[in-house]
Amino acid sequence: MFEKRKIGIALSGGAARGLSHIGVLQVLEEIGVEINAVAGCSMGAIVGALYSTGRDLKEIENYIASTDWKNFLMFSMISLSRSGLVNDKKVDDILKKFLGDLTFTDCKKQFCCVAADLMTGKKVVLSAGMIREAVRASIAVPGVFPPVPRDNGLLVDGGVIEPLPTEAIKMLDANYIIASSIVFESNKPENKEKRSGKYRTAESKKMSLQAIIDKSLNMIHSQMVKSYLNEAQIIIEPRIGDFGFFDFSKGKEIIAAGRLAAIEKIPEIRKKLKLK
C-alpha cells in the first residue's frame, strides 16, 4: 500500500548558533516544502515551538533583534557570571510571553522536543502538556540552567543525549526526515597564518572561559550528532563557525547563515521532493 509522505524536520541544539534554523525554515517555506512535524533540541526546541504554534518566521526573526531579547540576554549573562546558573524565573517569563499557556494540542504542526533525565540517564521525548514547560526542560544546559523537575525525574538539555532529534521525530510518524544540523565551519576563508601551530599555541594561551566552553561543546556536539544524521533523507548544515555559543546578539547574521545553507541545498531538495 502507498504510504503518504509525512515530512518532519529535526532541529539540532547549539545555543545561539541554533538560531540558524530560522533561516533554514524560511527557505523551505519559500520553495514550497510542507513541513508536517517538528522535533527540536535545546535552541532547536525554542525555534521549533514558535514555528509549530503558528508564529510567522519573520516575526520570530524580528524578535531576535528586539530590545526585549537583548535585555534578557544581558540579564542572563550577569546572572551566570555571579552564580553559575541563569535565573530560571526570567527564562520562564520570556517563554510565557511567547508561548503563553499553549499546550501541544494547540500546535498547528505536530511538535515534540527532547530532554534528558538525570535520574535515569535516559532520553525523554516531550509531546504533551504545556509547551513552555517542555521547552524549558529541553534548554536546561547543565551548569547554566537549573534542571526541571518532572514526573519524579530531573530534566536537562536534550543535547546531552540526542543533539539532533531525528529519532524523536519518528514518534510523530514522520516518514521523510529533513535535518537542520549546525556545523562548526566558517563561511569565510581561513587565514593561513591562523592554521599554523604557532598561531594556535598563542591563541590557546589567551583563551577565555567562554571560548573553552565553546570549543568543548563543539567537539562533543560534532561527535554525537554523526549517528543521528544517518536517519535523515535531506541534511542541511548551517556553517556557524564564525559565531560562539553565547553570540545571541548576532542573531541576524546567524539566521543568514542558515538561509545560505538551505539555499545551497535547493536543487537537491527540489529533486528529492519532486518540487517544481
C-alpha atoms as a PDB file:
ATOM      1  CA  MET A   1       0.000   0.000   0.000  1.00  0.00           C
ATOM      2  CA  PHE A   2       1.233   3.505  -0.836  1.00  0.00           C
ATOM      3  CA  GLU A   3       2.207   5.414   2.296  1.00  0.00           C
ATOM      4  CA  LYS A   4       1.523   9.140   2.261  1.00  0.00           C
ATOM      5  CA  ARG A   5       4.683  11.139   2.758  1.00  0.00           C
ATOM      6  CA  LYS A   6       4.847  12.973   6.066  1.00  0.00           C
ATOM      7  CA  ILE A   7       7.769  15.373   6.231  1.00  0.00           C
ATOM      8  CA  GLY A   8       9.363  16.022   9.591  1.00  0.00           C
ATOM      9  CA  ILE A   9      12.215  18.378  10.357  1.00  0.00           C
ATOM     10  CA  ALA A  10      14.702  17.815  13.179  1.00  0.00           C
ATOM     11  CA  LEU A  11      16.332  20.949  14.604  1.00  0.00           C
ATOM     12  CA  SER A  12      19.605  20.485  16.467  1.00  0.00           C
ATOM     13  CA  GLY A  13      20.781  22.294  19.575  1.00  0.00           C
ATOM     14  CA  GLY A  14      23.653  24.748  19.607  1.00  0.00           C
ATOM     15  CA  ALA A  15      22.617  27.725  21.775  1.00  0.00           C
ATOM     16  CA  ALA A  16      22.878  30.989  19.797  1.00  0.00           C
ATOM     17  CA  ARG A  17      24.002  29.113  16.708  1.00  0.00           C
ATOM     18  CA  GLY A  18      20.698  27.239  16.669  1.00  0.00           C
ATOM     19  CA  LEU A  19      19.060  30.463  15.511  1.00  0.00           C
ATOM     20  CA  SER A  20      20.269  29.412  12.055  1.00  0.00           C
ATOM     21  CA  HIS A  21      17.252  27.067  11.941  1.00  0.00           C
ATOM     22  CA  ILE A  22      15.048  30.125  11.408  1.00  0.00           C
ATOM     23  CA  GLY A  23      16.837  30.833   8.130  1.00  0.00           C
ATOM     24  CA  VAL A  24      16.563  27.189   7.081  1.00  0.00           C
ATOM     25  CA  LEU A  25      12.808  27.148   7.729  1.00  0.00           C
ATOM     26  CA  GLN A  26      12.364  30.417   5.834  1.00  0.00           C
ATOM     27  CA  VAL A  27      13.935  28.976   2.685  1.00  0.00           C
ATOM     28  CA  LEU A  28      11.978  25.716   2.938  1.00  0.00           C
ATOM     29  CA  GLU A  29       8.742  27.701   3.137  1.00  0.00           C
ATOM     30  CA  GLU A  30       9.753  29.899   0.203  1.00  0.00           C
ATOM     31  CA  ILE A  31      10.303  26.910  -2.107  1.00  0.00           C
ATOM     32  CA  GLY A  32       7.069  25.211  -1.077  1.00  0.00           C
ATOM     33  CA  VAL A  33       8.210  22.447   1.285  1.00  0.00           C
ATOM     34  CA  GLU A  34       5.287  21.478   3.516  1.00  0.00           C
ATOM     35  CA  ILE A  35       6.552  20.537   6.963  1.00  0.00           C
ATOM     36  CA  ASN A  36       4.122  18.305   8.856  1.00  0.00           C
ATOM     37  CA  ALA A  37       6.063  17.663  12.058  1.00  0.00           C
ATOM     38  CA  VAL A  38       8.877  19.313  14.007  1.00  0.00           C
ATOM     39  CA  ALA A  39      11.264  17.977  16.645  1.00  0.00           C
ATOM     40  CA  GLY A  40      13.687  20.258  18.452  1.00  0.00           C
ATOM     41  CA  CYS A  41      16.503  20.024  20.934  1.00  0.00           C
ATOM     42  CA  SER A  42      17.664  22.940  23.102  1.00  0.00           C
ATOM     43  CA  MET A  43      17.622  26.087  20.913  1.00  0.00           C
ATOM     44  CA  GLY A  44      16.025  23.924  18.230  1.00  0.00           C
ATOM     45  CA  ALA A  45      13.192  23.352  20.712  1.00  0.00           C
ATOM     46  CA  ILE A  46      12.608  27.102  21.081  1.00  0.00           C
ATOM     47  CA  VAL A  47      12.591  27.694  17.325  1.00  0.00           C
ATOM     48  CA  GLY A  48      10.505  24.561  16.741  1.00  0.00           C
ATOM     49  CA  ALA A  49       7.938  25.513  19.372  1.00  0.00           C
ATOM     50  CA  LEU A  50       7.439  29.007  17.968  1.00  0.00           C
ATOM     51  CA  TYR A  51       7.193  27.668  14.417  1.00  0.00           C
ATOM     52  CA  SER A  52       4.851  24.804  15.308  1.00  0.00           C
ATOM     53  CA  THR A  53       2.439  27.069  17.153  1.00  0.00           C
ATOM     54  CA  GLY A  54       1.978  29.215  14.078  1.00  0.00           C
ATOM     55  CA  ARG A  55       4.418  32.059  14.658  1.00  0.00           C
ATOM     56  CA  ASP A  56       5.425  33.772  11.428  1.00  0.00           C
ATOM     57  CA  LEU A  57       9.125  33.203  10.741  1.00  0.00           C
ATOM     58  CA  LYS A  58       9.698  36.887  10.015  1.00  0.00           C
ATOM     59  CA  GLU A  59       8.090  37.716  13.350  1.00  0.00           C
ATOM     60  CA  ILE A  60      10.474  35.307  15.082  1.00  0.00           C
ATOM     61  CA  GLU A  61      13.450  36.857  13.277  1.00  0.00           C
ATOM     62  CA  ASN A  62      12.384  40.385  14.246  1.00  0.00           C
ATOM     63  CA  TYR A  63      12.090  39.392  17.882  1.00  0.00           C
ATOM     64  CA  ILE A  64      15.669  38.127  17.856  1.00  0.00           C
ATOM     65  CA  ALA A  65      16.767  41.687  17.026  1.00  0.00           C
ATOM     66  CA  SER A  66      14.464  43.274  19.610  1.00  0.00           C
ATOM     67  CA  THR A  67      15.353  45.158  22.784  1.00  0.00           C
ATOM     68  CA  ASP A  68      13.463  42.606  24.912  1.00  0.00           C
ATOM     69  CA  TRP A  69      15.653  39.775  23.625  1.00  0.00           C
ATOM     70  CA  LYS A  70      18.914  41.681  24.186  1.00  0.00           C
ATOM     71  CA  ASN A  71      17.871  42.788  27.673  1.00  0.00           C
ATOM     72  CA  PHE A  72      17.039  39.189  28.539  1.00  0.00           C
ATOM     73  CA  LEU A  73      20.450  38.041  27.341  1.00  0.00           C
ATOM     74  CA  MET A  74      22.285  40.729  29.294  1.00  0.00           C
ATOM     75  CA  PHE A  75      20.393  39.773  32.451  1.00  0.00           C
ATOM     76  CA  SER A  76      21.096  36.085  31.857  1.00  0.00           C
ATOM     77  CA  MET A  77      24.830  36.566  31.391  1.00  0.00           C
ATOM     78  CA  ILE A  78      25.094  38.733  34.541  1.00  0.00           C
ATOM     79  CA  SER A  79      23.274  36.017  36.487  1.00  0.00           C
ATOM     80  CA  LEU A  80      25.560  33.367  35.009  1.00  0.00           C
ATOM     81  CA  SER A  81      28.741  35.223  35.899  1.00  0.00           C
ATOM     82  CA  ARG A  82      27.675  35.612  39.532  1.00  0.00           C
ATOM     83  CA  SER A  83      26.138  32.268  40.358  1.00  0.00           C
ATOM     84  CA  GLY A  84      26.887  29.828  37.551  1.00  0.00           C
ATOM     85  CA  LEU A  85      23.158  29.499  36.912  1.00  0.00           C
ATOM     86  CA  VAL A  86      20.893  31.650  34.782  1.00  0.00           C
ATOM     87  CA  ASN A  87      17.870  32.981  36.661  1.00  0.00           C
ATOM     88  CA  ASP A  88      15.171  30.497  35.697  1.00  0.00           C
ATOM     89  CA  LYS A  89      12.290  32.839  36.578  1.00  0.00           C
ATOM     90  CA  LYS A  90      13.481  35.270  33.906  1.00  0.00           C
ATOM     91  CA  VAL A  91      13.647  32.409  31.402  1.00  0.00           C
ATOM     92  CA  ASP A  92      10.146  31.296  32.374  1.00  0.00           C
ATOM     93  CA  ASP A  93       8.857  34.852  31.914  1.00  0.00           C
ATOM     94  CA  ILE A  94      10.295  35.067  28.388  1.00  0.00           C
ATOM     95  CA  LEU A  95       8.890  31.661  27.391  1.00  0.00           C
ATOM     96  CA  LYS A  96       5.483  32.552  28.819  1.00  0.00           C
ATOM     97  CA  LYS A  97       5.454  35.818  26.880  1.00  0.00           C
ATOM     98  CA  PHE A  98       5.767  33.998  23.568  1.00  0.00           C
ATOM     99  CA  LEU A  99       4.215  30.603  24.249  1.00  0.00           C
ATOM    100  CA  GLY A 100       1.677  31.562  26.900  1.00  0.00           C
ATOM    101  CA  ASP A 101      -0.221  28.580  28.258  1.00  0.00           C
ATOM    102  CA  LEU A 102      -0.375  26.800  24.907  1.00  0.00           C
ATOM    103  CA  THR A 103      -0.335  23.015  25.042  1.00  0.00           C
ATOM    104  CA  PHE A 104       0.890  20.557  22.433  1.00  0.00           C
ATOM    105  CA  THR A 105      -2.689  20.088  21.244  1.00  0.00           C
ATOM    106  CA  ASP A 106      -2.690  23.767  20.191  1.00  0.00           C
ATOM    107  CA  CYS A 107       0.149  23.236  17.696  1.00  0.00           C
ATOM    108  CA  LYS A 108      -0.557  23.926  14.026  1.00  0.00           C
ATOM    109  CA  LYS A 109       2.110  21.346  13.186  1.00  0.00           C
ATOM    110  CA  GLN A 110       2.926  18.316  15.306  1.00  0.00           C
ATOM    111  CA  PHE A 111       5.773  19.081  17.685  1.00  0.00           C
ATOM    112  CA  CYS A 112       7.976  17.370  20.229  1.00  0.00           C
ATOM    113  CA  CYS A 113      11.198  18.261  21.996  1.00  0.00           C
ATOM    114  CA  VAL A 114      13.937  16.240  23.633  1.00  0.00           C
ATOM    115  CA  ALA A 115      15.306  16.333  27.169  1.00  0.00           C
ATOM    116  CA  ALA A 116      17.470  14.010  29.249  1.00  0.00           C
ATOM    117  CA  ASP A 117      16.537  12.658  32.690  1.00  0.00           C
ATOM    118  CA  LEU A 118      19.415  12.961  35.172  1.00  0.00           C
ATOM    119  CA  MET A 119      17.805  10.346  37.417  1.00  0.00           C
ATOM    120  CA  THR A 120      17.648   7.584  34.803  1.00  0.00           C
ATOM    121  CA  GLY A 121      20.198   8.738  32.228  1.00  0.00           C
ATOM    122  CA  LYS A 122      17.582   8.230  29.515  1.00  0.00           C
ATOM    123  CA  LYS A 123      16.104  10.353  26.762  1.00  0.00           C
ATOM    124  CA  VAL A 124      12.690  11.888  27.360  1.00  0.00           C
ATOM    125  CA  VAL A 125      10.580  12.957  24.380  1.00  0.00           C
ATOM    126  CA  LEU A 126       8.135  15.652  25.450  1.00  0.00           C
ATOM    127  CA  SER A 127       4.937  15.887  23.409  1.00  0.00           C
ATOM    128  CA  ALA A 128       2.147  16.523  25.917  1.00  0.00           C
ATOM    129  CA  GLY A 129       1.236  19.207  28.406  1.00  0.00           C
ATOM    130  CA  MET A 130       2.268  22.844  28.379  1.00  0.00           C
ATOM    131  CA  ILE A 131       4.734  23.648  25.595  1.00  0.00           C
ATOM    132  CA  ARG A 132       6.765  26.225  27.505  1.00  0.00           C
ATOM    133  CA  GLU A 133       7.402  23.755  30.322  1.00  0.00           C
ATOM    134  CA  ALA A 134       8.676  21.173  27.837  1.00  0.00           C
ATOM    135  CA  VAL A 135      10.892  23.732  26.093  1.00  0.00           C
ATOM    136  CA  ARG A 136      12.202  24.903  29.453  1.00  0.00           C
ATOM    137  CA  ALA A 137      13.411  21.347  30.110  1.00  0.00           C
ATOM    138  CA  SER A 138      14.934  20.941  26.650  1.00  0.00           C
ATOM    139  CA  ILE A 139      17.073  24.093  27.051  1.00  0.00           C
ATOM    140  CA  ALA A 140      18.285  23.360  30.598  1.00  0.00           C
ATOM    141  CA  VAL A 141      22.016  23.219  29.816  1.00  0.00           C
ATOM    142  CA  PRO A 142      23.697  21.546  32.830  1.00  0.00           C
ATOM    143  CA  GLY A 143      25.619  24.091  34.884  1.00  0.00           C
ATOM    144  CA  VAL A 144      23.899  27.010  33.163  1.00  0.00           C
ATOM    145  CA  PHE A 145      20.162  26.475  33.744  1.00  0.00           C
ATOM    146  CA  PRO A 146      18.698  24.640  36.742  1.00  0.00           C
ATOM    147  CA  PRO A 147      17.260  21.179  35.904  1.00  0.00           C
ATOM    148  CA  VAL A 148      13.474  20.894  35.602  1.00  0.00           C
ATOM    149  CA  PRO A 149      11.579  18.515  37.936  1.00  0.00           C
ATOM    150  CA  ARG A 150       9.027  16.414  36.032  1.00  0.00           C
ATOM    151  CA  ASP A 151       7.346  13.075  36.825  1.00  0.00           C
ATOM    152  CA  ASN A 152       9.857  12.113  39.540  1.00  0.00           C
ATOM    153  CA  GLY A 153      12.732  12.980  37.213  1.00  0.00           C
ATOM    154  CA  LEU A 154      15.139  15.879  36.765  1.00  0.00           C
ATOM    155  CA  LEU A 155      15.265  17.011  33.155  1.00  0.00           C
ATOM    156  CA  VAL A 156      18.139  18.787  31.413  1.00  0.00           C
ATOM    157  CA  ASP A 157      19.080  19.832  27.879  1.00  0.00           C
ATOM    158  CA  GLY A 158      18.340  17.061  25.385  1.00  0.00           C
ATOM    159  CA  GLY A 159      21.637  17.807  23.650  1.00  0.00           C
ATOM    160  CA  VAL A 160      23.469  15.618  26.146  1.00  0.00           C
ATOM    161  CA  ILE A 161      21.704  12.555  24.745  1.00  0.00           C
ATOM    162  CA  GLU A 162      20.185  13.321  21.303  1.00  0.00           C
ATOM    163  CA  PRO A 163      21.556  16.628  19.950  1.00  0.00           C
ATOM    164  CA  LEU A 164      19.787  16.119  16.616  1.00  0.00           C
ATOM    165  CA  PRO A 165      16.300  14.640  17.220  1.00  0.00           C
ATOM    166  CA  THR A 166      15.959  12.508  14.089  1.00  0.00           C
ATOM    167  CA  GLU A 167      14.899   9.544  16.236  1.00  0.00           C
ATOM    168  CA  ALA A 168      12.430  11.590  18.264  1.00  0.00           C
ATOM    169  CA  ILE A 169      10.686  12.909  15.137  1.00  0.00           C
ATOM    170  CA  LYS A 170       9.726   9.344  14.230  1.00  0.00           C
ATOM    171  CA  MET A 171       7.453   9.316  17.275  1.00  0.00           C
ATOM    172  CA  LEU A 172       5.342  11.835  15.355  1.00  0.00           C
ATOM    173  CA  ASP A 173       5.094   9.311  12.486  1.00  0.00           C
ATOM    174  CA  ALA A 174       7.308  11.349  10.168  1.00  0.00           C
ATOM    175  CA  ASN A 175       8.494   9.083   7.350  1.00  0.00           C
ATOM    176  CA  TYR A 176      10.625  11.615   5.470  1.00  0.00           C
ATOM    177  CA  ILE A 177      13.129  13.496   7.592  1.00  0.00           C
ATOM    178  CA  ILE A 178      14.940  16.754   6.958  1.00  0.00           C
ATOM    179  CA  ALA A 179      17.766  17.508   9.393  1.00  0.00           C
ATOM    180  CA  SER A 180      18.919  21.039  10.165  1.00  0.00           C
ATOM    181  CA  SER A 181      22.186  20.436  11.972  1.00  0.00           C
ATOM    182  CA  ILE A 182      24.780  23.093  12.720  1.00  0.00           C
ATOM    183  CA  VAL A 183      28.422  22.517  11.815  1.00  0.00           C
ATOM    184  CA  PHE A 184      31.373  24.386  13.251  1.00  0.00           C
ATOM    185  CA  GLU A 185      32.865  25.529   9.972  1.00  0.00           C
ATOM    186  CA  SER A 186      33.178  29.100   8.786  1.00  0.00           C
ATOM    187  CA  ASN A 187      31.637  30.693   5.721  1.00  0.00           C
ATOM    188  CA  LYS A 188      34.766  32.839   5.493  1.00  0.00           C
ATOM    189  CA  PRO A 189      38.093  31.674   4.002  1.00  0.00           C
ATOM    190  CA  GLU A 190      40.505  30.906   6.822  1.00  0.00           C
ATOM    191  CA  ASN A 191      43.741  32.832   7.067  1.00  0.00           C
ATOM    192  CA  LYS A 192      46.721  30.520   6.510  1.00  0.00           C
ATOM    193  CA  GLU A 193      48.547  32.071   9.447  1.00  0.00           C
ATOM    194  CA  LYS A 194      45.666  31.102  11.719  1.00  0.00           C
ATOM    195  CA  ARG A 195      46.066  27.462  10.744  1.00  0.00           C
ATOM    196  CA  SER A 196      49.706  27.387  11.801  1.00  0.00           C
ATOM    197  CA  GLY A 197      50.801  25.712  15.006  1.00  0.00           C
ATOM    198  CA  LYS A 198      52.452  28.928  16.158  1.00  0.00           C
ATOM    199  CA  TYR A 199      49.175  30.833  15.964  1.00  0.00           C
ATOM    200  CA  ARG A 200      47.170  28.099  17.698  1.00  0.00           C
ATOM    201  CA  THR A 201      49.671  27.984  20.577  1.00  0.00           C
ATOM    202  CA  ALA A 202      49.486  31.747  21.068  1.00  0.00           C
ATOM    203  CA  GLU A 203      45.708  31.667  20.815  1.00  0.00           C
ATOM    204  CA  SER A 204      45.352  28.906  23.408  1.00  0.00           C
ATOM    205  CA  LYS A 205      47.280  30.935  25.993  1.00  0.00           C
ATOM    206  CA  LYS A 206      44.730  33.745  25.900  1.00  0.00           C
ATOM    207  CA  MET A 207      41.616  31.579  25.518  1.00  0.00           C
ATOM    208  CA  SER A 208      38.762  32.802  27.691  1.00  0.00           C
ATOM    209  CA  LEU A 209      36.481  30.602  29.778  1.00  0.00           C
ATOM    210  CA  GLN A 210      33.709  31.270  27.267  1.00  0.00           C
ATOM    211  CA  ALA A 211      35.975  30.131  24.414  1.00  0.00           C
ATOM    212  CA  ILE A 212      36.912  26.977  26.315  1.00  0.00           C
ATOM    213  CA  ILE A 213      33.214  26.169  26.845  1.00  0.00           C
ATOM    214  CA  ASP A 214      32.607  26.895  23.160  1.00  0.00           C
ATOM    215  CA  LYS A 215      35.318  24.572  21.884  1.00  0.00           C
ATOM    216  CA  SER A 216      34.426  21.790  24.312  1.00  0.00           C
ATOM    217  CA  LEU A 217      30.769  21.852  23.309  1.00  0.00           C
ATOM    218  CA  ASN A 218      31.738  21.979  19.641  1.00  0.00           C
ATOM    219  CA  MET A 219      33.726  18.752  19.957  1.00  0.00           C
ATOM    220  CA  ILE A 220      31.021  16.952  21.912  1.00  0.00           C
ATOM    221  CA  HIS A 221      28.254  18.045  19.534  1.00  0.00           C
ATOM    222  CA  SER A 222      30.212  17.152  16.389  1.00  0.00           C
ATOM    223  CA  GLN A 223      30.887  13.602  17.540  1.00  0.00           C
ATOM    224  CA  MET A 224      27.431  12.888  18.942  1.00  0.00           C
ATOM    225  CA  VAL A 225      25.449  14.222  16.005  1.00  0.00           C
ATOM    226  CA  LYS A 226      27.022  11.950  13.360  1.00  0.00           C
ATOM    227  CA  SER A 227      24.929   8.861  14.055  1.00  0.00           C
ATOM    228  CA  TYR A 228      21.682  10.858  14.031  1.00  0.00           C
ATOM    229  CA  LEU A 229      22.414  12.320  10.593  1.00  0.00           C
ATOM    230  CA  ASN A 230      22.031   8.832   9.111  1.00  0.00           C
ATOM    231  CA  GLU A 231      18.294   8.915   9.846  1.00  0.00           C
ATOM    232  CA  ALA A 232      17.661  11.917   7.571  1.00  0.00           C
ATOM    233  CA  GLN A 233      16.900  11.904   3.846  1.00  0.00           C
ATOM    234  CA  ILE A 234      17.901  15.568   3.446  1.00  0.00           C
ATOM    235  CA  ILE A 235      20.637  17.193   5.536  1.00  0.00           C
ATOM    236  CA  ILE A 236      21.069  20.957   5.782  1.00  0.00           C
ATOM    237  CA  GLU A 237      24.150  22.064   7.712  1.00  0.00           C
ATOM    238  CA  PRO A 238      24.463  25.776   8.510  1.00  0.00           C
ATOM    239  CA  ARG A 239      28.139  26.685   8.878  1.00  0.00           C
ATOM    240  CA  ILE A 240      28.275  28.744  12.040  1.00  0.00           C
ATOM    241  CA  GLY A 241      31.980  28.580  12.896  1.00  0.00           C
ATOM    242  CA  ASP A 242      32.131  32.383  12.911  1.00  0.00           C
ATOM    243  CA  PHE A 243      29.779  32.523  15.900  1.00  0.00           C
ATOM    244  CA  GLY A 244      30.052  31.446  19.514  1.00  0.00           C
ATOM    245  CA  PHE A 245      27.784  29.609  21.930  1.00  0.00           C
ATOM    246  CA  PHE A 246      26.726  32.924  23.507  1.00  0.00           C
ATOM    247  CA  ASP A 247      26.532  35.119  20.368  1.00  0.00           C
ATOM    248  CA  PHE A 248      22.792  35.765  20.668  1.00  0.00           C
ATOM    249  CA  SER A 249      23.282  39.436  19.780  1.00  0.00           C
ATOM    250  CA  LYS A 250      24.353  38.302  16.282  1.00  0.00           C
ATOM    251  CA  GLY A 251      21.007  36.672  15.565  1.00  0.00           C
ATOM    252  CA  LYS A 252      20.503  38.309  12.166  1.00  0.00           C
ATOM    253  CA  GLU A 253      23.883  37.082  10.896  1.00  0.00           C
ATOM    254  CA  ILE A 254      23.316  33.573  12.254  1.00  0.00           C
ATOM    255  CA  ILE A 255      19.892  33.391  10.597  1.00  0.00           C
ATOM    256  CA  ALA A 256      21.544  34.483   7.334  1.00  0.00           C
ATOM    257  CA  ALA A 257      23.996  31.572   7.662  1.00  0.00           C
ATOM    258  CA  GLY A 258      21.014  29.225   7.934  1.00  0.00           C
ATOM    259  CA  ARG A 259      19.453  30.709   4.814  1.00  0.00           C
ATOM    260  CA  LEU A 260      22.716  30.293   2.896  1.00  0.00           C
ATOM    261  CA  ALA A 261      22.997  26.617   3.865  1.00  0.00           C
ATOM    262  CA  ALA A 262      19.409  25.926   2.784  1.00  0.00           C
ATOM    263  CA  ILE A 263      19.745  27.861  -0.481  1.00  0.00           C
ATOM    264  CA  GLU A 264      22.779  25.755  -1.401  1.00  0.00           C
ATOM    265  CA  LYS A 265      20.597  22.654  -0.966  1.00  0.00           C
ATOM    266  CA  ILE A 266      17.644  23.848  -3.063  1.00  0.00           C
ATOM    267  CA  PRO A 267      18.488  21.759  -6.177  1.00  0.00           C
ATOM    268  CA  GLU A 268      18.754  18.582  -4.069  1.00  0.00           C
ATOM    269  CA  ILE A 269      15.575  19.397  -2.141  1.00  0.00           C
ATOM    270  CA  ARG A 270      13.576  20.079  -5.313  1.00  0.00           C
ATOM    271  CA  LYS A 271      14.787  16.840  -6.875  1.00  0.00           C
ATOM    272  CA  LYS A 272      14.168  14.599  -3.861  1.00  0.00           C
ATOM    273  CA  LEU A 273      10.772  16.078  -3.030  1.00  0.00           C
ATOM    274  CA  LYS A 274       9.801  16.477  -6.694  1.00  0.00           C
ATOM    275  CA  LEU A 275       9.074  20.176  -6.324  1.00  0.00           C
ATOM    276  CA  LYS A 276       8.649  22.476  -9.308  1.00  0.00           C
END
